[in-house]
Amino acid sequence: FRLTWPKLLSQDTGYYSLEYTPRAEPARKRSQQVSGDHTSLV
């Protein structure tokens, strides 16, 4: 799926931590860092 979010940061002011977890299996949480100039990610 594609995630889209409002522009909160810029490349200079920070980055986003993205976590996504199957609801039935919390142990399978995955995370990634996304540059602050992004507003969407597949």
All heavy atoms as atom14 arrays in JSON, in Angstrom:
{
  "sequence": "FRLTWPKLLSQDTGYYSLEYTPRAEPARKRSQQVSGDHTSLV",
  "atom14_mask": [
    [1, 1, 1, 1, 1, 1, 1, 1, 1, 1, 1, 0, 0, 0],
    [1, 1, 1, 1, 1, 1, 1, 1, 1, 1, 1, 0, 0, 0],
    [1, 1, 1, 1, 1, 1, 1, 1, 0, 0, 0, 0, 0, 0],
    [1, 1, 1, 1, 1, 1, 1, 0, 0, 0, 0, 0, 0, 0],
    [1, 1, 1, 1, 1, 1, 1, 1, 1, 1, 1, 1, 1, 1],
    [1, 1, 1, 1, 1, 1, 1, 0, 0, 0, 0, 0, 0, 0],
    [1, 1, 1, 1, 1, 1, 1, 1, 1, 0, 0, 0, 0, 0],
    [1, 1, 1, 1, 1, 1, 1, 1, 0, 0, 0, 0, 0, 0],
    [1, 1, 1, 1, 1, 1, 1, 1, 0, 0, 0, 0, 0, 0],
    [1, 1, 1, 1, 1, 1, 0, 0, 0, 0, 0, 0, 0, 0],
    [1, 1, 1, 1, 1, 1, 1, 1, 1, 0, 0, 0, 0, 0],
    [1, 1, 1, 1, 1, 1, 1, 1, 0, 0, 0, 0, 0, 0],
    [1, 1, 1, 1, 1, 1, 1, 0, 0, 0, 0, 0, 0, 0],
    [1, 1, 1, 1, 0, 0, 0, 0, 0, 0, 0, 0, 0, 0],
    [1, 1, 1, 1, 1, 1, 1, 1, 1, 1, 1, 1, 0, 0],
    [1, 1, 1, 1, 1, 1, 1, 1, 1, 1, 1, 1, 0, 0],
    [1, 1, 1, 1, 1, 1, 0, 0, 0, 0, 0, 0, 0, 0],
    [1, 1, 1, 1, 1, 1, 1, 1, 0, 0, 0, 0, 0, 0],
    [1, 1, 1, 1, 1, 1, 1, 1, 1, 0, 0, 0, 0, 0],
    [1, 1, 1, 1, 1, 1, 1, 1, 1, 1, 1, 1, 0, 0],
    [1, 1, 1, 1, 1, 1, 1, 0, 0, 0, 0, 0, 0, 0],
    [1, 1, 1, 1, 1, 1, 1, 0, 0, 0, 0, 0, 0, 0],
    [1, 1, 1, 1, 1, 1, 1, 1, 1, 1, 1, 0, 0, 0],
    [1, 1, 1, 1, 1, 0, 0, 0, 0, 0, 0, 0, 0, 0],
    [1, 1, 1, 1, 1, 1, 1, 1, 1, 0, 0, 0, 0, 0],
    [1, 1, 1, 1, 1, 1, 1, 0, 0, 0, 0, 0, 0, 0],
    [1, 1, 1, 1, 1, 0, 0, 0, 0, 0, 0, 0, 0, 0],
    [1, 1, 1, 1, 1, 1, 1, 1, 1, 1, 1, 0, 0, 0],
    [1, 1, 1, 1, 1, 1, 1, 1, 1, 0, 0, 0, 0, 0],
    [1, 1, 1, 1, 1, 1, 1, 1, 1, 1, 1, 0, 0, 0],
    [1, 1, 1, 1, 1, 1, 0, 0, 0, 0, 0, 0, 0, 0],
    [1, 1, 1, 1, 1, 1, 1, 1, 1, 0, 0, 0, 0, 0],
    [1, 1, 1, 1, 1, 1, 1, 1, 1, 0, 0, 0, 0, 0],
    [1, 1, 1, 1, 1, 1, 1, 0, 0, 0, 0, 0, 0, 0],
    [1, 1, 1, 1, 1, 1, 0, 0, 0, 0, 0, 0, 0, 0],
    [1, 1, 1, 1, 0, 0, 0, 0, 0, 0, 0, 0, 0, 0],
    [1, 1, 1, 1, 1, 1, 1, 1, 0, 0, 0, 0, 0, 0],
    [1, 1, 1, 1, 1, 1, 1, 1, 1, 1, 0, 0, 0, 0],
    [1, 1, 1, 1, 1, 1, 1, 0, 0, 0, 0, 0, 0, 0],
    [1, 1, 1, 1, 1, 1, 0, 0, 0, 0, 0, 0, 0, 0],
    [1, 1, 1, 1, 1, 1, 1, 1, 0, 0, 0, 0, 0, 0],
    [1, 1, 1, 1, 1, 1, 1, 0, 0, 0, 0, 0, 0, 0]
  ],
  "atom14_positions": [
    [[0.86, -1.18, 0.0], [0.0, 0.0, 0.0], [0.9, 1.23, 0.0], [2.09, 1.15, 0.31], [-0.99, 0.02, 1.18], [-0.4, -0.22, 2.54], [0.28, 0.8, 3.22], [-0.53, -1.45, 3.15], [0.79, 0.57, 4.49], [-0.01, -1.69, 4.42], [0.66, -0.68, 5.09], [0.0, 0.0, 0.0], [0.0, 0.0, 0.0], [0.0, 0.0, 0.0]],
    [[0.29, 2.35, -0.41], [1.01, 3.62, -0.39], [0.52, 4.44, 0.79], [-0.68, 4.6, 0.98], [0.76, 4.39, -1.69], [1.39, 5.79, -1.68], [1.09, 6.56, -2.95], [1.83, 6.04, -4.07], [3.11, 6.32, -4.33], [3.81, 7.11, -3.53], [3.71, 5.8, -5.38], [0.0, 0.0, 0.0], [0.0, 0.0, 0.0], [0.0, 0.0, 0.0]],
    [[1.46, 4.94, 1.57], [1.12, 5.83, 2.67], [1.37, 7.27, 2.24], [2.37, 7.55, 1.58], [1.99, 5.52, 3.89], [1.7, 4.19, 4.58], [2.79, 3.88, 5.59], [0.33, 4.23, 5.26], [0.0, 0.0, 0.0], [0.0, 0.0, 0.0], [0.0, 0.0, 0.0], [0.0, 0.0, 0.0], [0.0, 0.0, 0.0], [0.0, 0.0, 0.0]],
    [[0.46, 8.14, 2.61], [0.62, 9.57, 2.31], [0.36, 10.33, 3.61], [-0.52, 9.95, 4.38], [-0.4, 10.01, 1.24], [-0.28, 9.13, 0.12], [-0.13, 11.43, 0.77], [0.0, 0.0, 0.0], [0.0, 0.0, 0.0], [0.0, 0.0, 0.0], [0.0, 0.0, 0.0], [0.0, 0.0, 0.0], [0.0, 0.0, 0.0], [0.0, 0.0, 0.0]],
    [[1.13, 11.36, 3.83], [0.96, 12.15, 5.06], [1.25, 13.61, 4.78], [1.89, 13.96, 3.78], [1.86, 11.6, 6.17], [3.33, 11.61, 5.86], [4.21, 12.63, 6.05], [4.1, 10.53, 5.3], [5.47, 12.25, 5.65], [5.44, 10.96, 5.19], [3.79, 9.22, 4.89], [6.46, 10.16, 4.67], [4.79, 8.42, 4.38], [6.11, 8.89, 4.28]],
    [[0.75, 14.5, 5.66], [0.98, 15.94, 5.46], [2.45, 16.28, 5.63], [3.19, 15.56, 6.3], [0.12, 16.59, 6.55], [-0.15, 15.52, 7.55], [-0.11, 14.21, 6.82], [0.0, 0.0, 0.0], [0.0, 0.0, 0.0], [0.0, 0.0, 0.0], [0.0, 0.0, 0.0], [0.0, 0.0, 0.0], [0.0, 0.0, 0.0], [0.0, 0.0, 0.0]],
    [[2.85, 17.36, 5.0], [4.25, 17.79, 5.09], [4.49, 18.44, 6.44], [4.04, 19.55, 6.69], [4.56, 18.76, 3.95], [6.04, 19.13, 3.88], [6.32, 19.87, 2.58], [7.77, 20.34, 2.53], [8.75, 19.24, 2.65], [0.0, 0.0, 0.0], [0.0, 0.0, 0.0], [0.0, 0.0, 0.0], [0.0, 0.0, 0.0], [0.0, 0.0, 0.0]],
    [[5.14, 17.7, 7.33], [5.4, 18.22, 8.68], [6.84, 18.66, 8.83], [7.15, 19.58, 9.57], [5.09, 17.14, 9.72], [3.67, 16.6, 9.71], [3.54, 15.41, 10.64], [2.68, 17.69, 10.11], [0.0, 0.0, 0.0], [0.0, 0.0, 0.0], [0.0, 0.0, 0.0], [0.0, 0.0, 0.0], [0.0, 0.0, 0.0], [0.0, 0.0, 0.0]],
    [[7.74, 17.97, 8.14], [9.17, 18.23, 8.28], [9.75, 18.64, 6.93], [9.09, 18.56, 5.91], [9.9, 16.95, 8.74], [9.34, 16.24, 9.98], [10.07, 14.93, 10.19], [9.45, 17.13, 11.19], [0.0, 0.0, 0.0], [0.0, 0.0, 0.0], [0.0, 0.0, 0.0], [0.0, 0.0, 0.0], [0.0, 0.0, 0.0], [0.0, 0.0, 0.0]],
    [[11.0, 19.04, 6.95], [11.75, 19.19, 5.71], [13.02, 18.36, 5.88], [13.26, 17.79, 6.95], [12.11, 20.65, 5.47], [13.06, 21.07, 6.44], [0.0, 0.0, 0.0], [0.0, 0.0, 0.0], [0.0, 0.0, 0.0], [0.0, 0.0, 0.0], [0.0, 0.0, 0.0], [0.0, 0.0, 0.0], [0.0, 0.0, 0.0], [0.0, 0.0, 0.0]],
    [[13.83, 18.31, 4.84], [15.05, 17.52, 4.92], [15.95, 18.02, 6.06], [16.68, 17.26, 6.67], [15.79, 17.6, 3.59], [16.77, 16.47, 3.39], [17.18, 16.33, 1.94], [16.63, 17.01, 1.08], [18.14, 15.48, 1.67], [0.0, 0.0, 0.0], [0.0, 0.0, 0.0], [0.0, 0.0, 0.0], [0.0, 0.0, 0.0], [0.0, 0.0, 0.0]],
    [[15.84, 19.32, 6.35], [16.74, 19.92, 7.33], [16.22, 19.81, 8.76], [16.97, 19.96, 9.71], [16.93, 21.41, 7.02], [17.44, 21.62, 5.61], [18.19, 20.74, 5.12], [17.07, 22.63, 4.99], [0.0, 0.0, 0.0], [0.0, 0.0, 0.0], [0.0, 0.0, 0.0], [0.0, 0.0, 0.0], [0.0, 0.0, 0.0], [0.0, 0.0, 0.0]],
    [[14.89, 19.57, 8.92], [14.34, 19.65, 10.28], [14.12, 18.29, 10.91], [13.63, 18.22, 12.03], [13.02, 20.45, 10.3], [12.07, 19.77, 9.48], [13.23, 21.87, 9.82], [0.0, 0.0, 0.0], [0.0, 0.0, 0.0], [0.0, 0.0, 0.0], [0.0, 0.0, 0.0], [0.0, 0.0, 0.0], [0.0, 0.0, 0.0], [0.0, 0.0, 0.0]],
    [[14.41, 17.2, 10.2], [14.24, 15.9, 10.83], [13.94, 14.8, 9.84], [14.13, 14.95, 8.64], [0.0, 0.0, 0.0], [0.0, 0.0, 0.0], [0.0, 0.0, 0.0], [0.0, 0.0, 0.0], [0.0, 0.0, 0.0], [0.0, 0.0, 0.0], [0.0, 0.0, 0.0], [0.0, 0.0, 0.0], [0.0, 0.0, 0.0], [0.0, 0.0, 0.0]],
    [[13.45, 13.68, 10.39], [13.1, 12.53, 9.55], [11.89, 11.86, 10.19], [11.45, 12.23, 11.29], [14.27, 11.54, 9.46], [14.69, 10.95, 10.78], [14.14, 9.75, 11.23], [15.62, 11.6, 11.6], [14.5, 9.2, 12.46], [15.98, 11.06, 12.84], [15.42, 9.86, 13.26], [15.77, 9.34, 14.46], [0.0, 0.0, 0.0], [0.0, 0.0, 0.0]],
    [[11.32, 10.88, 9.47], [10.17, 10.15, 9.99], [10.61, 8.73, 10.34], [11.36, 8.11, 9.58], [9.07, 10.05, 8.93], [8.52, 11.39, 8.51], [8.96, 11.99, 7.33], [7.55, 12.04, 9.26], [8.46, 13.22, 6.93], [7.03, 13.26, 8.85], [7.49, 13.85, 7.68], [6.99, 15.05, 7.29], [0.0, 0.0, 0.0], [0.0, 0.0, 0.0]],
    [[10.13, 8.23, 11.47], [10.22, 6.8, 11.77], [8.88, 6.19, 11.43], [7.84, 6.66, 11.92], [10.52, 6.56, 13.24], [11.86, 6.87, 13.51], [0.0, 0.0, 0.0], [0.0, 0.0, 0.0], [0.0, 0.0, 0.0], [0.0, 0.0, 0.0], [0.0, 0.0, 0.0], [0.0, 0.0, 0.0], [0.0, 0.0, 0.0], [0.0, 0.0, 0.0]],
    [[8.92, 5.15, 10.62], [7.69, 4.5, 10.2], [7.69, 3.08, 10.74], [8.65, 2.34, 10.55], [7.63, 4.49, 8.68], [6.37, 3.91, 8.07], [5.2, 4.83, 8.35], [6.56, 3.76, 6.57], [0.0, 0.0, 0.0], [0.0, 0.0, 0.0], [0.0, 0.0, 0.0], [0.0, 0.0, 0.0], [0.0, 0.0, 0.0], [0.0, 0.0, 0.0]],
    [[6.63, 2.72, 11.44], [6.5, 1.36, 11.96], [5.21, 0.77, 11.43], [4.18, 1.44, 11.41], [6.45, 1.37, 13.5], [7.69, 1.91, 14.14], [7.57, 2.03, 15.65], [6.44, 1.84, 16.18], [8.6, 2.32, 16.29], [0.0, 0.0, 0.0], [0.0, 0.0, 0.0], [0.0, 0.0, 0.0], [0.0, 0.0, 0.0], [0.0, 0.0, 0.0]],
    [[5.27, -0.49, 10.99], [4.04, -1.16, 10.58], [4.07, -2.58, 11.1], [5.06, -3.29, 11.0], [3.81, -1.09, 9.07], [4.99, -1.48, 8.21], [5.02, -2.71, 7.57], [6.05, -0.59, 8.01], [6.1, -3.07, 6.77], [7.12, -0.94, 7.21], [7.14, -2.18, 6.6], [8.21, -2.53, 5.81], [0.0, 0.0, 0.0], [0.0, 0.0, 0.0]],
    [[2.95, -2.97, 11.69], [2.88, -4.2, 12.46], [1.6, -4.96, 12.11], [0.52, -4.37, 12.18], [2.83, -3.87, 13.97], [3.86, -2.94, 14.26], [2.99, -5.12, 14.81], [0.0, 0.0, 0.0], [0.0, 0.0, 0.0], [0.0, 0.0, 0.0], [0.0, 0.0, 0.0], [0.0, 0.0, 0.0], [0.0, 0.0, 0.0], [0.0, 0.0, 0.0]],
    [[1.69, -6.25, 11.76], [0.46, -7.04, 11.59], [-0.26, -7.1, 12.94], [0.35, -7.45, 13.95], [0.96, -8.44, 11.19], [2.4, -8.27, 10.82], [2.9, -7.06, 11.53], [0.0, 0.0, 0.0], [0.0, 0.0, 0.0], [0.0, 0.0, 0.0], [0.0, 0.0, 0.0], [0.0, 0.0, 0.0], [0.0, 0.0, 0.0], [0.0, 0.0, 0.0]],
    [[-1.54, -6.72, 12.93], [-2.25, -6.6, 14.19], [-2.26, -7.92, 14.96], [-2.17, -7.95, 16.19], [-3.68, -6.16, 13.92], [-4.18, -5.21, 14.94], [-5.48, -4.63, 14.51], [-6.57, -5.27, 15.24], [-7.81, -5.31, 14.8], [-8.11, -4.77, 13.64], [-8.74, -5.88, 15.5], [0.0, 0.0, 0.0], [0.0, 0.0, 0.0], [0.0, 0.0, 0.0]],
    [[-2.35, -9.04, 14.25], [-2.43, -10.34, 14.91], [-1.06, -10.83, 15.4], [-0.99, -11.75, 16.2], [-3.03, -11.36, 13.95], [0.0, 0.0, 0.0], [0.0, 0.0, 0.0], [0.0, 0.0, 0.0], [0.0, 0.0, 0.0], [0.0, 0.0, 0.0], [0.0, 0.0, 0.0], [0.0, 0.0, 0.0], [0.0, 0.0, 0.0], [0.0, 0.0, 0.0]],
    [[0.0, -10.23, 14.88], [1.35, -10.7, 15.23], [2.25, -9.52, 15.56], [3.11, -9.15, 14.77], [1.96, -11.48, 14.07], [1.17, -12.71, 13.67], [1.8, -13.39, 12.47], [2.78, -14.12, 12.66], [1.34, -13.14, 11.34], [0.0, 0.0, 0.0], [0.0, 0.0, 0.0], [0.0, 0.0, 0.0], [0.0, 0.0, 0.0], [0.0, 0.0, 0.0]],
    [[2.07, -8.95, 16.75], [2.85, -7.76, 17.11], [4.36, -7.98, 17.06], [5.12, -7.04, 16.87], [2.38, -7.46, 18.54], [1.09, -8.18, 18.71], [1.11, -9.35, 17.79], [0.0, 0.0, 0.0], [0.0, 0.0, 0.0], [0.0, 0.0, 0.0], [0.0, 0.0, 0.0], [0.0, 0.0, 0.0], [0.0, 0.0, 0.0], [0.0, 0.0, 0.0]],
    [[4.78, -9.23, 17.2], [6.22, -9.49, 17.2], [6.84, -9.25, 15.81], [8.05, -9.13, 15.68], [6.49, -10.93, 17.63], [0.0, 0.0, 0.0], [0.0, 0.0, 0.0], [0.0, 0.0, 0.0], [0.0, 0.0, 0.0], [0.0, 0.0, 0.0], [0.0, 0.0, 0.0], [0.0, 0.0, 0.0], [0.0, 0.0, 0.0], [0.0, 0.0, 0.0]],
    [[5.99, -9.19, 14.79], [6.52, -9.02, 13.44], [6.54, -7.57, 13.02], [6.39, -7.25, 11.84], [5.72, -9.88, 12.45], [6.0, -11.36, 12.65], [5.24, -12.21, 11.68], [5.46, -11.78, 10.3], [4.63, -12.05, 9.29], [3.53, -12.71, 9.52], [4.92, -11.63, 8.07], [0.0, 0.0, 0.0], [0.0, 0.0, 0.0], [0.0, 0.0, 0.0]],
    [[6.72, -6.69, 13.98], [6.8, -5.26, 13.68], [7.99, -4.97, 12.78], [9.07, -5.53, 12.97], [6.93, -4.47, 14.98], [7.13, -2.98, 14.75], [6.76, -2.2, 15.97], [7.97, -1.93, 16.83], [7.64, -1.01, 17.94], [0.0, 0.0, 0.0], [0.0, 0.0, 0.0], [0.0, 0.0, 0.0], [0.0, 0.0, 0.0], [0.0, 0.0, 0.0]],
    [[7.78, -4.11, 11.79], [8.88, -3.67, 10.94], [8.95, -2.16, 11.0], [7.93, -1.49, 11.18], [8.66, -4.12, 9.49], [8.8, -5.63, 9.34], [8.99, -6.0, 7.9], [7.72, -6.42, 7.3], [7.57, -6.72, 6.01], [8.6, -6.62, 5.19], [6.42, -7.1, 5.53], [0.0, 0.0, 0.0], [0.0, 0.0, 0.0], [0.0, 0.0, 0.0]],
    [[10.15, -1.63, 10.85], [10.26, -0.17, 10.89], [11.3, 0.29, 9.88], [12.17, -0.46, 9.47], [10.64, 0.29, 12.3], [11.85, -0.32, 12.68], [0.0, 0.0, 0.0], [0.0, 0.0, 0.0], [0.0, 0.0, 0.0], [0.0, 0.0, 0.0], [0.0, 0.0, 0.0], [0.0, 0.0, 0.0], [0.0, 0.0, 0.0], [0.0, 0.0, 0.0]],
    [[11.15, 1.53, 9.46], [12.16, 2.13, 8.59], [12.16, 3.63, 8.79], [11.19, 4.21, 9.28], [11.92, 1.76, 7.13], [10.62, 2.23, 6.52], [10.43, 1.58, 5.14], [9.8, 0.55, 5.0], [10.98, 2.19, 4.12], [0.0, 0.0, 0.0], [0.0, 0.0, 0.0], [0.0, 0.0, 0.0], [0.0, 0.0, 0.0], [0.0, 0.0, 0.0]],
    [[13.28, 4.24, 8.43], [13.39, 5.69, 8.51], [13.16, 6.28, 7.14], [13.57, 5.72, 6.13], [14.78, 6.09, 9.0], [14.97, 5.84, 10.47], [16.25, 6.45, 10.98], [16.92, 7.2, 10.28], [16.59, 6.14, 12.23], [0.0, 0.0, 0.0], [0.0, 0.0, 0.0], [0.0, 0.0, 0.0], [0.0, 0.0, 0.0], [0.0, 0.0, 0.0]],
    [[12.47, 7.42, 7.13], [12.13, 8.08, 5.88], [12.61, 9.52, 5.98], [12.4, 10.18, 7.0], [10.6, 8.06, 5.64], [10.28, 8.61, 4.27], [10.05, 6.65, 5.82], [0.0, 0.0, 0.0], [0.0, 0.0, 0.0], [0.0, 0.0, 0.0], [0.0, 0.0, 0.0], [0.0, 0.0, 0.0], [0.0, 0.0, 0.0], [0.0, 0.0, 0.0]],
    [[13.25, 9.98, 4.95], [13.78, 11.34, 4.91], [12.67, 12.37, 5.15], [11.51, 12.16, 4.76], [14.44, 11.57, 3.55], [14.48, 12.93, 3.24], [0.0, 0.0, 0.0], [0.0, 0.0, 0.0], [0.0, 0.0, 0.0], [0.0, 0.0, 0.0], [0.0, 0.0, 0.0], [0.0, 0.0, 0.0], [0.0, 0.0, 0.0], [0.0, 0.0, 0.0]],
    [[13.01, 13.48, 5.8], [12.02, 14.5, 6.17], [11.36, 15.19, 5.0], [10.34, 15.86, 5.17], [0.0, 0.0, 0.0], [0.0, 0.0, 0.0], [0.0, 0.0, 0.0], [0.0, 0.0, 0.0], [0.0, 0.0, 0.0], [0.0, 0.0, 0.0], [0.0, 0.0, 0.0], [0.0, 0.0, 0.0], [0.0, 0.0, 0.0], [0.0, 0.0, 0.0]],
    [[11.94, 15.06, 3.77], [11.29, 15.73, 2.63], [10.25, 14.83, 1.95], [9.64, 15.23, 0.97], [12.34, 16.23, 1.62], [13.27, 15.12, 1.17], [13.11, 13.97, 1.62], [14.17, 15.42, 0.37], [0.0, 0.0, 0.0], [0.0, 0.0, 0.0], [0.0, 0.0, 0.0], [0.0, 0.0, 0.0], [0.0, 0.0, 0.0], [0.0, 0.0, 0.0]],
    [[10.05, 13.61, 2.46], [9.04, 12.72, 1.87], [7.66, 13.0, 2.43], [7.53, 13.36, 3.61], [9.38, 11.25, 2.16], [10.42, 10.68, 1.25], [11.66, 11.23, 1.12], [10.38, 9.62, 0.41], [12.37, 10.51, 0.25], [11.61, 9.53, -0.19], [0.0, 0.0, 0.0], [0.0, 0.0, 0.0], [0.0, 0.0, 0.0], [0.0, 0.0, 0.0]],
    [[6.63, 12.83, 1.61], [5.26, 12.86, 2.13], [4.5, 11.62, 1.69], [3.29, 11.53, 1.9], [4.49, 14.11, 1.63], [4.55, 14.13, 0.2], [5.09, 15.38, 2.2], [0.0, 0.0, 0.0], [0.0, 0.0, 0.0], [0.0, 0.0, 0.0], [0.0, 0.0, 0.0], [0.0, 0.0, 0.0], [0.0, 0.0, 0.0], [0.0, 0.0, 0.0]],
    [[5.19, 10.66, 1.06], [4.51, 9.4, 0.75], [5.57, 8.32, 0.56], [6.74, 8.6, 0.33], [3.62, 9.52, -0.49], [4.35, 9.29, -1.66], [0.0, 0.0, 0.0], [0.0, 0.0, 0.0], [0.0, 0.0, 0.0], [0.0, 0.0, 0.0], [0.0, 0.0, 0.0], [0.0, 0.0, 0.0], [0.0, 0.0, 0.0], [0.0, 0.0, 0.0]],
    [[5.11, 7.08, 0.69], [6.01, 5.94, 0.6], [5.18, 4.69, 0.31], [4.09, 4.53, 0.86], [6.73, 5.75, 1.95], [7.76, 4.62, 2.01], [9.0, 5.0, 1.21], [8.13, 4.33, 3.45], [0.0, 0.0, 0.0], [0.0, 0.0, 0.0], [0.0, 0.0, 0.0], [0.0, 0.0, 0.0], [0.0, 0.0, 0.0], [0.0, 0.0, 0.0]],
    [[5.7, 3.83, -0.56], [5.03, 2.55, -0.81], [5.66, 1.49, 0.09], [6.88, 1.32, 0.11], [5.16, 2.13, -2.29], [4.6, 0.73, -2.51], [4.44, 3.13, -3.18], [0.0, 0.0, 0.0], [0.0, 0.0, 0.0], [0.0, 0.0, 0.0], [0.0, 0.0, 0.0], [0.0, 0.0, 0.0], [0.0, 0.0, 0.0], [0.0, 0.0, 0.0]]
  ]
}
